Amino acid sequence: MYFYGALIVLVVIVGLVIYNEIRRKKHYEEDRQARLKHRRQPKDTLKVRVKPKSEAKPEPKPEPEPKPEPKPEVKPEPKPEPKSEPKPSVKLPECNYPDFDHSRLIEMGLGEDDANAFVGELITQIDEQIPMLQDAIDDESVEQVERLTHSMKGSSSNIGVGGVTDLLIEFNTYSKTDSNFTIIKEYLAQLKNYLQKLKNQYA
């Protein structure tokens, strides 16, 4: 009786040992297969945990760069206007002559009436040539001015001295050497003035 009991216990122990060994081998095989599967899986197939939208923090928007302040416009300083030097004043002829004298005609043997007639012809000649002299001055033709004053000077010098004769001598001399029409116009104005004096003298 005792022997059968011991035999049963021994069989149970052996069965437990075999069962435990079988389970251990099964767990070992499953664990080995799992490790092999993990090694064969490519790296890029690994799952990446994506945060849900609720967890994802919004990326901050970049702040706009501050606009550079505009540089103040630098206005160029106005250039000082060149100082205009005063033009030298033109010295006008004085034309301070004595009264006309026809004594030359008397010395030539003419009487007073004939002498006065010659002076009358001189007045007419100068009266006729003054408009032509004015045109020459307007055209700024100094050559024509010189020619006309030379003609009037010759006629006047043959009759007398002083007054209109002295003026025509200076007028003609100036037109030969210079061409300042400011002075030429002054000579013309004085010629008209002395011609009127001559007319008054022999009226």
C-alpha atoms as a PDB file:
ATOM      1  CA  MET A   1       0.000   0.000   0.000  1.00  0.00           C
ATOM      2  CA  TYR A   2       2.770   2.331   0.964  1.00  0.00           C
ATOM      3  CA  PHE A   3       4.583   1.465  -2.207  1.00  0.00           C
ATOM      4  CA  TYR A   4       1.709   2.441  -4.477  1.00  0.00           C
ATOM      5  CA  GLY A   5       1.321   5.733  -2.706  1.00  0.00           C
ATOM      6  CA  ALA A   6       4.979   6.574  -3.200  1.00  0.00           C
ATOM      7  CA  LEU A   7       4.754   5.611  -6.848  1.00  0.00           C
ATOM      8  CA  ILE A   8       1.799   7.949  -7.450  1.00  0.00           C
ATOM      9  CA  VAL A   9       3.629  10.856  -5.802  1.00  0.00           C
ATOM     10  CA  LEU A  10       6.685  10.169  -7.950  1.00  0.00           C
ATOM     11  CA  VAL A  11       4.586  10.131 -11.146  1.00  0.00           C
ATOM     12  CA  VAL A  12       2.936  13.429 -10.194  1.00  0.00           C
ATOM     13  CA  ILE A  13       6.350  15.032  -9.516  1.00  0.00           C
ATOM     14  CA  VAL A  14       7.772  13.801 -12.826  1.00  0.00           C
ATOM     15  CA  GLY A  15       4.694  15.101 -14.659  1.00  0.00           C
ATOM     16  CA  LEU A  16       5.059  18.507 -13.061  1.00  0.00           C
ATOM     17  CA  VAL A  17       8.728  18.649 -14.019  1.00  0.00           C
ATOM     18  CA  ILE A  18       7.942  17.726 -17.643  1.00  0.00           C
ATOM     19  CA  TYR A  19       5.072  20.283 -17.800  1.00  0.00           C
ATOM     20  CA  ASN A  20       7.278  23.064 -16.433  1.00  0.00           C
ATOM     21  CA  GLU A  21      10.019  22.199 -18.939  1.00  0.00           C
ATOM     22  CA  ILE A  22       7.546  22.277 -21.830  1.00  0.00           C
ATOM     23  CA  ARG A  23       6.193  25.712 -20.707  1.00  0.00           C
ATOM     24  CA  ARG A  24       9.710  27.060 -20.308  1.00  0.00           C
ATOM     25  CA  LYS A  25      10.669  26.009 -23.836  1.00  0.00           C
ATOM     26  CA  LYS A  26       7.441  27.477 -25.250  1.00  0.00           C
ATOM     27  CA  HIS A  27       8.045  30.835 -23.559  1.00  0.00           C
ATOM     28  CA  TYR A  28      11.665  30.835 -24.744  1.00  0.00           C
ATOM     29  CA  GLU A  29      10.592  30.181 -28.361  1.00  0.00           C
ATOM     30  CA  GLU A  30       7.967  32.914 -28.256  1.00  0.00           C
ATOM     31  CA  ASP A  31      10.457  35.349 -26.835  1.00  0.00           C
ATOM     32  CA  ARG A  32      13.060  34.453 -29.518  1.00  0.00           C
ATOM     33  CA  GLN A  33      10.513  34.904 -32.336  1.00  0.00           C
ATOM     34  CA  ALA A  34       9.550  38.305 -30.948  1.00  0.00           C
ATOM     35  CA  ARG A  35      13.180  39.459 -30.858  1.00  0.00           C
ATOM     36  CA  LEU A  36      13.753  38.291 -34.441  1.00  0.00           C
ATOM     37  CA  LYS A  37      10.648  40.122 -35.650  1.00  0.00           C
ATOM     38  CA  HIS A  38      11.780  43.301 -33.905  1.00  0.00           C
ATOM     39  CA  ARG A  39      15.205  43.147 -35.564  1.00  0.00           C
ATOM     40  CA  ARG A  40      13.749  42.625 -39.089  1.00  0.00           C
ATOM     41  CA  GLN A  41      11.390  45.617 -38.846  1.00  0.00           C
ATOM     42  CA  PRO A  42      12.875  48.635 -40.867  1.00  0.00           C
ATOM     43  CA  LYS A  43      13.624  51.763 -38.908  1.00  0.00           C
ATOM     44  CA  ASP A  44      11.452  54.057 -41.071  1.00  0.00           C
ATOM     45  CA  THR A  45       8.401  51.955 -40.294  1.00  0.00           C
ATOM     46  CA  LEU A  46       8.614  52.771 -36.644  1.00  0.00           C
ATOM     47  CA  LYS A  47       5.501  54.511 -35.524  1.00  0.00           C
ATOM     48  CA  VAL A  48       5.888  58.102 -34.481  1.00  0.00           C
ATOM     49  CA  ARG A  49       3.606  59.363 -31.899  1.00  0.00           C
ATOM     50  CA  VAL A  50       1.832  62.445 -33.206  1.00  0.00           C
ATOM     51  CA  LYS A  51       0.514  64.838 -30.708  1.00  0.00           C
ATOM     52  CA  PRO A  52      -3.164  65.550 -31.072  1.00  0.00           C
ATOM     53  CA  LYS A  53      -4.125  69.030 -32.288  1.00  0.00           C
ATOM     54  CA  SER A  54      -5.304  69.936 -28.838  1.00  0.00           C
ATOM     55  CA  GLU A  55      -1.809  69.262 -27.467  1.00  0.00           C
ATOM     56  CA  ALA A  56       0.110  70.878 -30.361  1.00  0.00           C
ATOM     57  CA  LYS A  57       1.135  74.380 -29.408  1.00  0.00           C
ATOM     58  CA  PRO A  58       0.650  76.979 -32.178  1.00  0.00           C
ATOM     59  CA  GLU A  59       3.928  78.226 -33.548  1.00  0.00           C
ATOM     60  CA  PRO A  60       4.385  81.918 -32.757  1.00  0.00           C
ATOM     61  CA  LYS A  61       4.152  84.181 -35.814  1.00  0.00           C
ATOM     62  CA  PRO A  62       7.364  86.045 -36.558  1.00  0.00           C
ATOM     63  CA  GLU A  63       7.128  89.652 -35.542  1.00  0.00           C
ATOM     64  CA  PRO A  64       7.381  92.053 -38.497  1.00  0.00           C
ATOM     65  CA  GLU A  65      10.697  93.793 -38.751  1.00  0.00           C
ATOM     66  CA  PRO A  66      10.440  97.471 -37.836  1.00  0.00           C
ATOM     67  CA  LYS A  67      10.505  99.742 -40.865  1.00  0.00           C
ATOM     68  CA  PRO A  68      13.566 101.937 -40.968  1.00  0.00           C
ATOM     69  CA  GLU A  69      12.785 105.554 -40.210  1.00  0.00           C
ATOM     70  CA  PRO A  70      13.010 107.708 -43.337  1.00  0.00           C
ATOM     71  CA  LYS A  71      16.088 109.851 -43.410  1.00  0.00           C
ATOM     72  CA  PRO A  72      15.328 113.552 -43.399  1.00  0.00           C
ATOM     73  CA  GLU A  73      15.898 115.103 -46.800  1.00  0.00           C
ATOM     74  CA  VAL A  74      18.916 117.312 -46.833  1.00  0.00           C
ATOM     75  CA  LYS A  75      18.131 120.366 -48.907  1.00  0.00           C
ATOM     76  CA  PRO A  76      21.133 121.707 -50.752  1.00  0.00           C
ATOM     77  CA  GLU A  77      22.120 125.090 -49.533  1.00  0.00           C
ATOM     78  CA  PRO A  78      21.406 127.737 -52.146  1.00  0.00           C
ATOM     79  CA  LYS A  79      24.523 128.909 -53.828  1.00  0.00           C
ATOM     80  CA  PRO A  80      25.176 132.550 -53.230  1.00  0.00           C
ATOM     81  CA  GLU A  81      24.529 134.535 -56.326  1.00  0.00           C
ATOM     82  CA  PRO A  82      27.674 136.046 -57.722  1.00  0.00           C
ATOM     83  CA  LYS A  83      27.861 139.670 -56.847  1.00  0.00           C
ATOM     84  CA  SER A  84      27.531 141.729 -59.929  1.00  0.00           C
ATOM     85  CA  GLU A  85      30.272 144.232 -60.005  1.00  0.00           C
ATOM     86  CA  PRO A  86      29.015 147.685 -60.843  1.00  0.00           C
ATOM     87  CA  LYS A  87      29.812 148.616 -64.379  1.00  0.00           C
ATOM     88  CA  PRO A  88      32.117 151.558 -64.680  1.00  0.00           C
ATOM     89  CA  SER A  89      30.112 154.633 -65.466  1.00  0.00           C
ATOM     90  CA  VAL A  90      30.550 156.076 -68.934  1.00  0.00           C
ATOM     91  CA  LYS A  91      31.946 159.563 -68.958  1.00  0.00           C
ATOM     92  CA  LEU A  92      29.800 161.564 -71.331  1.00  0.00           C
ATOM     93  CA  PRO A  93      31.229 164.415 -73.356  1.00  0.00           C
ATOM     94  CA  GLU A  94      30.799 167.811 -71.700  1.00  0.00           C
ATOM     95  CA  CYS A  95      30.118 169.648 -74.989  1.00  0.00           C
ATOM     96  CA  ASN A  96      30.822 173.073 -73.476  1.00  0.00           C
ATOM     97  CA  TYR A  97      31.574 175.171 -76.556  1.00  0.00           C
ATOM     98  CA  PRO A  98      31.512 178.944 -77.210  1.00  0.00           C
ATOM     99  CA  ASP A  99      28.862 180.396 -79.508  1.00  0.00           C
ATOM    100  CA  PHE A 100      29.251 179.872 -83.233  1.00  0.00           C
ATOM    101  CA  ASP A 101      31.300 182.586 -84.992  1.00  0.00           C
ATOM    102  CA  HIS A 102      31.232 183.133 -88.806  1.00  0.00           C
ATOM    103  CA  SER A 103      34.083 185.644 -88.804  1.00  0.00           C
ATOM    104  CA  ARG A 104      36.001 183.349 -91.109  1.00  0.00           C
ATOM    105  CA  LEU A 105      33.587 184.202 -93.917  1.00  0.00           C
ATOM    106  CA  ILE A 106      34.074 187.929 -93.264  1.00  0.00           C
ATOM    107  CA  GLU A 107      37.829 187.449 -93.427  1.00  0.00           C
ATOM    108  CA  MET A 108      37.338 185.803 -96.816  1.00  0.00           C
ATOM    109  CA  GLY A 109      35.718 189.043 -98.029  1.00  0.00           C
ATOM    110  CA  LEU A 110      32.033 188.164 -97.757  1.00  0.00           C
ATOM    111  CA  GLY A 111      29.490 190.623 -96.458  1.00  0.00           C
ATOM    112  CA  GLU A 112      27.140 189.952 -93.545  1.00  0.00           C
ATOM    113  CA  ASP A 113      24.215 189.030 -95.788  1.00  0.00           C
ATOM    114  CA  ASP A 114      26.264 186.495 -97.787  1.00  0.00           C
ATOM    115  CA  ALA A 115      27.754 185.083 -94.608  1.00  0.00           C
ATOM    116  CA  ASN A 116      24.293 184.635 -93.107  1.00  0.00           C
ATOM    117  CA  ALA A 117      23.162 182.890 -96.303  1.00  0.00           C
ATOM    118  CA  PHE A 118      26.050 180.394 -95.993  1.00  0.00           C
ATOM    119  CA  VAL A 119      25.116 179.732 -92.368  1.00  0.00           C
ATOM    120  CA  GLY A 120      21.499 179.123 -93.470  1.00  0.00           C
ATOM    121  CA  GLU A 121      22.689 176.525 -95.986  1.00  0.00           C
ATOM    122  CA  LEU A 122      24.750 174.820 -93.234  1.00  0.00           C
ATOM    123  CA  ILE A 123      21.667 174.649 -90.987  1.00  0.00           C
ATOM    124  CA  THR A 124      19.648 173.028 -93.799  1.00  0.00           C
ATOM    125  CA  GLN A 125      22.400 170.466 -94.527  1.00  0.00           C
ATOM    126  CA  ILE A 126      22.710 169.420 -90.859  1.00  0.00           C
ATOM    127  CA  ASP A 127      18.897 169.260 -90.513  1.00  0.00           C
ATOM    128  CA  GLU A 128      18.710 166.867 -93.482  1.00  0.00           C
ATOM    129  CA  GLN A 129      21.552 164.617 -92.300  1.00  0.00           C
ATOM    130  CA  ILE A 130      20.455 164.199 -88.654  1.00  0.00           C
ATOM    131  CA  PRO A 131      17.733 161.568 -89.559  1.00  0.00           C
ATOM    132  CA  MET A 132      20.343 159.596 -91.552  1.00  0.00           C
ATOM    133  CA  LEU A 133      22.705 159.825 -88.588  1.00  0.00           C
ATOM    134  CA  GLN A 134      19.903 158.527 -86.321  1.00  0.00           C
ATOM    135  CA  ASP A 135      19.365 155.503 -88.625  1.00  0.00           C
ATOM    136  CA  ALA A 136      23.089 154.719 -88.585  1.00  0.00           C
ATOM    137  CA  ILE A 137      23.101 154.789 -84.772  1.00  0.00           C
ATOM    138  CA  ASP A 138      20.005 152.547 -84.616  1.00  0.00           C
ATOM    139  CA  ASP A 139      21.807 150.068 -86.904  1.00  0.00           C
ATOM    140  CA  GLU A 140      24.956 150.454 -84.782  1.00  0.00           C
ATOM    141  CA  SER A 141      26.923 151.196 -87.933  1.00  0.00           C
ATOM    142  CA  VAL A 142      29.877 153.164 -86.629  1.00  0.00           C
ATOM    143  CA  GLU A 143      31.302 153.439 -90.171  1.00  0.00           C
ATOM    144  CA  GLN A 144      28.182 155.270 -91.391  1.00  0.00           C
ATOM    145  CA  VAL A 145      28.270 157.510 -88.316  1.00  0.00           C
ATOM    146  CA  GLU A 146      31.880 158.429 -89.079  1.00  0.00           C
ATOM    147  CA  ARG A 147      31.096 159.170 -92.749  1.00  0.00           C
ATOM    148  CA  LEU A 148      28.127 161.445 -92.009  1.00  0.00           C
ATOM    149  CA  THR A 149      29.857 163.402 -89.214  1.00  0.00           C
ATOM    150  CA  HIS A 150      32.898 163.857 -91.473  1.00  0.00           C
ATOM    151  CA  SER A 151      30.696 165.440 -94.164  1.00  0.00           C
ATOM    152  CA  MET A 152      28.939 167.800 -91.719  1.00  0.00           C
ATOM    153  CA  LYS A 153      32.235 168.701 -90.007  1.00  0.00           C
ATOM    154  CA  GLY A 154      33.828 169.774 -93.340  1.00  0.00           C
ATOM    155  CA  SER A 155      30.934 172.051 -94.294  1.00  0.00           C
ATOM    156  CA  SER A 156      30.760 173.622 -90.827  1.00  0.00           C
ATOM    157  CA  SER A 157      34.535 174.195 -90.540  1.00  0.00           C
ATOM    158  CA  ASN A 158      34.562 176.098 -93.857  1.00  0.00           C
ATOM    159  CA  ILE A 159      32.031 178.597 -92.463  1.00  0.00           C
ATOM    160  CA  GLY A 160      32.943 179.196 -88.807  1.00  0.00           C
ATOM    161  CA  VAL A 161      34.230 178.040 -85.432  1.00  0.00           C
ATOM    162  CA  GLY A 162      32.703 177.301 -82.025  1.00  0.00           C
ATOM    163  CA  GLY A 163      29.263 175.874 -81.289  1.00  0.00           C
ATOM    164  CA  VAL A 164      28.111 173.237 -83.762  1.00  0.00           C
ATOM    165  CA  THR A 165      31.488 173.269 -85.603  1.00  0.00           C
ATOM    166  CA  ASP A 166      33.496 172.325 -82.462  1.00  0.00           C
ATOM    167  CA  LEU A 167      30.914 169.638 -81.589  1.00  0.00           C
ATOM    168  CA  LEU A 168      31.093 168.027 -85.055  1.00  0.00           C
ATOM    169  CA  ILE A 169      34.902 167.970 -84.901  1.00  0.00           C
ATOM    170  CA  GLU A 170      34.833 166.032 -81.579  1.00  0.00           C
ATOM    171  CA  PHE A 171      31.953 163.803 -82.729  1.00  0.00           C
ATOM    172  CA  ASN A 172      33.777 162.767 -85.900  1.00  0.00           C
ATOM    173  CA  THR A 173      37.067 162.213 -84.048  1.00  0.00           C
ATOM    174  CA  TYR A 174      35.377 159.919 -81.503  1.00  0.00           C
ATOM    175  CA  SER A 175      33.617 157.815 -84.176  1.00  0.00           C
ATOM    176  CA  LYS A 176      37.024 157.089 -85.745  1.00  0.00           C
ATOM    177  CA  THR A 177      38.527 155.735 -82.517  1.00  0.00           C
ATOM    178  CA  ASP A 178      35.678 154.184 -80.471  1.00  0.00           C
ATOM    179  CA  SER A 179      32.208 152.679 -80.875  1.00  0.00           C
ATOM    180  CA  ASN A 180      30.462 153.138 -77.534  1.00  0.00           C
ATOM    181  CA  PHE A 181      26.945 153.974 -78.693  1.00  0.00           C
ATOM    182  CA  THR A 182      26.013 155.449 -75.331  1.00  0.00           C
ATOM    183  CA  ILE A 183      28.506 158.227 -76.007  1.00  0.00           C
ATOM    184  CA  ILE A 184      27.567 158.422 -79.695  1.00  0.00           C
ATOM    185  CA  LYS A 185      23.904 158.929 -78.747  1.00  0.00           C
ATOM    186  CA  GLU A 186      24.937 161.696 -76.370  1.00  0.00           C
ATOM    187  CA  TYR A 187      26.848 163.407 -79.172  1.00  0.00           C
ATOM    188  CA  LEU A 188      23.735 163.191 -81.370  1.00  0.00           C
ATOM    189  CA  ALA A 189      21.586 164.748 -78.635  1.00  0.00           C
ATOM    190  CA  GLN A 190      24.098 167.577 -78.233  1.00  0.00           C
ATOM    191  CA  LEU A 191      24.225 168.056 -82.019  1.00  0.00           C
ATOM    192  CA  LYS A 192      20.459 168.648 -82.050  1.00  0.00           C
ATOM    193  CA  ASN A 193      20.842 171.036 -79.115  1.00  0.00           C
ATOM    194  CA  TYR A 194      23.604 173.107 -80.761  1.00  0.00           C
ATOM    195  CA  LEU A 195      21.779 173.107 -84.082  1.00  0.00           C
ATOM    196  CA  GLN A 196      18.790 174.694 -82.346  1.00  0.00           C
ATOM    197  CA  LYS A 197      21.103 177.288 -80.773  1.00  0.00           C
ATOM    198  CA  LEU A 198      22.459 178.045 -84.269  1.00  0.00           C
ATOM    199  CA  LYS A 199      18.926 178.487 -85.579  1.00  0.00           C
ATOM    200  CA  ASN A 200      18.095 180.851 -82.734  1.00  0.00           C
ATOM    201  CA  GLN A 201      21.303 182.786 -83.323  1.00  0.00           C
ATOM    202  CA  TYR A 202      20.611 183.305 -87.034  1.00  0.00           C
ATOM    203  CA  ALA A 203      16.844 183.535 -86.916  1.00  0.00           C
END
